[in-house]
Amino acid sequence: MSTLQLVARWVRRVTWSTLAASVAIAIALMMFDAGRHSGGDRELTVTPSVRPDLVAQAVADVEARGLSCSATPTLSSSIVFEWLDGRVGVVTFDEALTGARDGEGWVRWYCAEPAA
């Protein structure tokens, strides 16, 4: 086999490999983009608390139990959640996630055991 034939074979392999990789990447990107929008388009809105006094009282109650609260998102055991109707309460992380996803209200504070 001549050098020219070996080079031609190598070029064909590289070309087909590049083409196959490009198609796989394009399909992966399309699937990722479709997954991002599968829940429907939602607009992110952050509104100020309707009842800041109730939110502050809930945070104080949780901190009195020895938890540390922060407005910065963290994985937490207790969440201060404000419902659309103005109620404020402390819920679990799962309940807050479900409530926020369903548009029932807003996560206001994240409360967890203080770091050691």
C-alpha atoms as a PDB file:
ATOM      1  CA  MET A   1       0.000   0.000   0.000  1.00  0.00           C
ATOM      2  CA  SER A   2       1.450   3.345  -0.968  1.00  0.00           C
ATOM      3  CA  THR A   3       1.883   6.329   1.254  1.00  0.00           C
ATOM      4  CA  LEU A   4      -0.713   8.214  -0.733  1.00  0.00           C
ATOM      5  CA  GLN A   5      -3.295   5.503  -0.087  1.00  0.00           C
ATOM      6  CA  LEU A   6      -2.489   5.478   3.651  1.00  0.00           C
ATOM      7  CA  VAL A   7      -2.841   9.259   3.843  1.00  0.00           C
ATOM      8  CA  ALA A   8      -6.133   9.128   1.916  1.00  0.00           C
ATOM      9  CA  ARG A   9      -7.453   6.418   4.270  1.00  0.00           C
ATOM     10  CA  TRP A  10      -6.381   8.440   7.312  1.00  0.00           C
ATOM     11  CA  VAL A  11      -8.062  11.602   5.952  1.00  0.00           C
ATOM     12  CA  ARG A  12     -11.311   9.673   5.332  1.00  0.00           C
ATOM     13  CA  ARG A  13     -11.270   8.260   8.873  1.00  0.00           C
ATOM     14  CA  VAL A  14     -10.632  11.669  10.423  1.00  0.00           C
ATOM     15  CA  THR A  15     -13.363  13.227   8.269  1.00  0.00           C
ATOM     16  CA  TRP A  16     -15.960  10.589   9.181  1.00  0.00           C
ATOM     17  CA  SER A  17     -14.980  10.684  12.863  1.00  0.00           C
ATOM     18  CA  THR A  18     -15.302  14.468  12.948  1.00  0.00           C
ATOM     19  CA  LEU A  19     -18.653  14.303  11.188  1.00  0.00           C
ATOM     20  CA  ALA A  20     -19.974  11.650  13.582  1.00  0.00           C
ATOM     21  CA  ALA A  21     -18.776  13.615  16.625  1.00  0.00           C
ATOM     22  CA  SER A  22     -20.362  16.817  15.277  1.00  0.00           C
ATOM     23  CA  VAL A  23     -23.709  15.086  14.740  1.00  0.00           C
ATOM     24  CA  ALA A  24     -23.599  13.578  18.258  1.00  0.00           C
ATOM     25  CA  ILE A  25     -22.809  16.986  19.802  1.00  0.00           C
ATOM     26  CA  ALA A  26     -25.587  18.672  17.807  1.00  0.00           C
ATOM     27  CA  ILE A  27     -28.124  16.052  18.961  1.00  0.00           C
ATOM     28  CA  ALA A  28     -26.978  16.387  22.579  1.00  0.00           C
ATOM     29  CA  LEU A  29     -27.325  20.176  22.455  1.00  0.00           C
ATOM     30  CA  MET A  30     -30.809  19.955  20.954  1.00  0.00           C
ATOM     31  CA  MET A  31     -31.895  17.478  23.651  1.00  0.00           C
ATOM     32  CA  PHE A  32     -30.468  19.707  26.376  1.00  0.00           C
ATOM     33  CA  ASP A  33     -32.246  22.765  24.992  1.00  0.00           C
ATOM     34  CA  ALA A  34     -35.533  20.854  24.663  1.00  0.00           C
ATOM     35  CA  GLY A  35     -35.208  19.670  28.272  1.00  0.00           C
ATOM     36  CA  ARG A  36     -34.708  23.204  29.524  1.00  0.00           C
ATOM     37  CA  HIS A  37     -38.010  24.302  28.026  1.00  0.00           C
ATOM     38  CA  SER A  38     -40.056  21.180  28.723  1.00  0.00           C
ATOM     39  CA  GLY A  39     -41.820  22.785  31.692  1.00  0.00           C
ATOM     40  CA  GLY A  40     -42.926  25.701  29.576  1.00  0.00           C
ATOM     41  CA  ASP A  41     -41.436  29.124  29.511  1.00  0.00           C
ATOM     42  CA  ARG A  42     -41.592  30.884  32.853  1.00  0.00           C
ATOM     43  CA  GLU A  43     -40.624  34.401  33.639  1.00  0.00           C
ATOM     44  CA  LEU A  44     -38.534  34.860  36.764  1.00  0.00           C
ATOM     45  CA  THR A  45     -40.065  37.481  38.991  1.00  0.00           C
ATOM     46  CA  VAL A  46     -38.750  38.494  42.355  1.00  0.00           C
ATOM     47  CA  THR A  47     -41.069  40.743  44.260  1.00  0.00           C
ATOM     48  CA  PRO A  48     -40.534  42.411  47.589  1.00  0.00           C
ATOM     49  CA  SER A  49     -42.255  40.832  50.536  1.00  0.00           C
ATOM     50  CA  VAL A  50     -45.851  41.897  51.066  1.00  0.00           C
ATOM     51  CA  ARG A  51     -45.491  41.320  54.814  1.00  0.00           C
ATOM     52  CA  PRO A  52     -41.854  41.971  55.795  1.00  0.00           C
ATOM     53  CA  ASP A  53     -42.876  42.045  59.470  1.00  0.00           C
ATOM     54  CA  LEU A  54     -44.169  38.464  59.286  1.00  0.00           C
ATOM     55  CA  VAL A  55     -41.065  37.329  57.400  1.00  0.00           C
ATOM     56  CA  ALA A  56     -38.794  38.951  60.014  1.00  0.00           C
ATOM     57  CA  GLN A  57     -40.779  37.308  62.835  1.00  0.00           C
ATOM     58  CA  ALA A  58     -40.546  33.869  61.175  1.00  0.00           C
ATOM     59  CA  VAL A  59     -36.781  34.288  60.747  1.00  0.00           C
ATOM     60  CA  ALA A  60     -36.413  35.336  64.387  1.00  0.00           C
ATOM     61  CA  ASP A  61     -38.422  32.295  65.522  1.00  0.00           C
ATOM     62  CA  VAL A  62     -36.267  29.924  63.481  1.00  0.00           C
ATOM     63  CA  GLU A  63     -33.029  31.528  64.669  1.00  0.00           C
ATOM     64  CA  ALA A  64     -34.276  31.246  68.267  1.00  0.00           C
ATOM     65  CA  ARG A  65     -34.387  27.471  67.697  1.00  0.00           C
ATOM     66  CA  GLY A  66     -30.634  27.572  66.943  1.00  0.00           C
ATOM     67  CA  LEU A  67     -30.730  27.629  63.153  1.00  0.00           C
ATOM     68  CA  SER A  68     -28.825  30.141  61.048  1.00  0.00           C
ATOM     69  CA  CYS A  69     -30.804  31.939  58.316  1.00  0.00           C
ATOM     70  CA  SER A  70     -29.623  33.558  55.119  1.00  0.00           C
ATOM     71  CA  ALA A  71     -31.279  35.155  52.098  1.00  0.00           C
ATOM     72  CA  THR A  72     -28.616  33.472  49.933  1.00  0.00           C
ATOM     73  CA  PRO A  73     -29.807  30.197  48.386  1.00  0.00           C
ATOM     74  CA  THR A  74     -28.389  27.168  50.195  1.00  0.00           C
ATOM     75  CA  LEU A  75     -29.440  23.589  50.795  1.00  0.00           C
ATOM     76  CA  SER A  76     -31.489  24.037  53.946  1.00  0.00           C
ATOM     77  CA  SER A  77     -33.669  22.079  56.313  1.00  0.00           C
ATOM     78  CA  SER A  78     -36.117  24.922  56.968  1.00  0.00           C
ATOM     79  CA  ILE A  79     -37.333  27.569  54.550  1.00  0.00           C
ATOM     80  CA  VAL A  80     -39.210  30.765  55.358  1.00  0.00           C
ATOM     81  CA  PHE A  81     -41.874  30.811  52.646  1.00  0.00           C
ATOM     82  CA  GLU A  82     -44.357  33.556  51.791  1.00  0.00           C
ATOM     83  CA  TRP A  83     -47.563  32.501  50.043  1.00  0.00           C
ATOM     84  CA  LEU A  84     -49.354  34.698  47.528  1.00  0.00           C
ATOM     85  CA  ASP A  85     -52.146  35.403  50.023  1.00  0.00           C
ATOM     86  CA  GLY A  86     -49.647  37.005  52.446  1.00  0.00           C
ATOM     87  CA  ARG A  87     -49.231  34.090  54.861  1.00  0.00           C
ATOM     88  CA  VAL A  88     -45.670  33.420  56.003  1.00  0.00           C
ATOM     89  CA  GLY A  89     -44.478  30.139  57.446  1.00  0.00           C
ATOM     90  CA  VAL A  90     -41.588  27.763  57.869  1.00  0.00           C
ATOM     91  CA  VAL A  91     -41.688  24.755  55.531  1.00  0.00           C
ATOM     92  CA  THR A  92     -39.330  21.987  54.483  1.00  0.00           C
ATOM     93  CA  PHE A  93     -37.037  22.348  51.500  1.00  0.00           C
ATOM     94  CA  ASP A  94     -39.244  19.994  49.442  1.00  0.00           C
ATOM     95  CA  GLU A  95     -42.409  21.935  50.257  1.00  0.00           C
ATOM     96  CA  ALA A  96     -40.732  25.238  49.378  1.00  0.00           C
ATOM     97  CA  LEU A  97     -39.417  23.854  46.110  1.00  0.00           C
ATOM     98  CA  THR A  98     -42.852  22.549  45.133  1.00  0.00           C
ATOM     99  CA  GLY A  99     -44.610  25.748  46.209  1.00  0.00           C
ATOM    100  CA  ALA A 100     -42.206  28.001  44.324  1.00  0.00           C
ATOM    101  CA  ARG A 101     -42.367  25.789  41.226  1.00  0.00           C
ATOM    102  CA  ASP A 102     -46.168  25.839  41.265  1.00  0.00           C
ATOM    103  CA  GLY A 103     -46.247  29.615  41.668  1.00  0.00           C
ATOM    104  CA  GLU A 104     -47.819  29.499  45.139  1.00  0.00           C
ATOM    105  CA  GLY A 105     -45.377  31.973  46.659  1.00  0.00           C
ATOM    106  CA  TRP A 106     -41.739  32.874  47.263  1.00  0.00           C
ATOM    107  CA  VAL A 107     -38.814  31.519  49.225  1.00  0.00           C
ATOM    108  CA  ARG A 108     -37.695  34.371  51.469  1.00  0.00           C
ATOM    109  CA  TRP A 109     -35.004  32.852  53.750  1.00  0.00           C
ATOM    110  CA  TYR A 110     -32.974  29.635  53.907  1.00  0.00           C
ATOM    111  CA  CYS A 111     -32.368  28.301  57.427  1.00  0.00           C
ATOM    112  CA  ALA A 112     -30.077  25.444  58.443  1.00  0.00           C
ATOM    113  CA  GLU A 113     -27.839  24.213  61.243  1.00  0.00           C
ATOM    114  CA  PRO A 114     -24.904  26.587  61.655  1.00  0.00           C
ATOM    115  CA  ALA A 115     -21.649  25.356  60.117  1.00  0.00           C
ATOM    116  CA  ALA A 116     -19.257  23.911  62.674  1.00  0.00           C
END
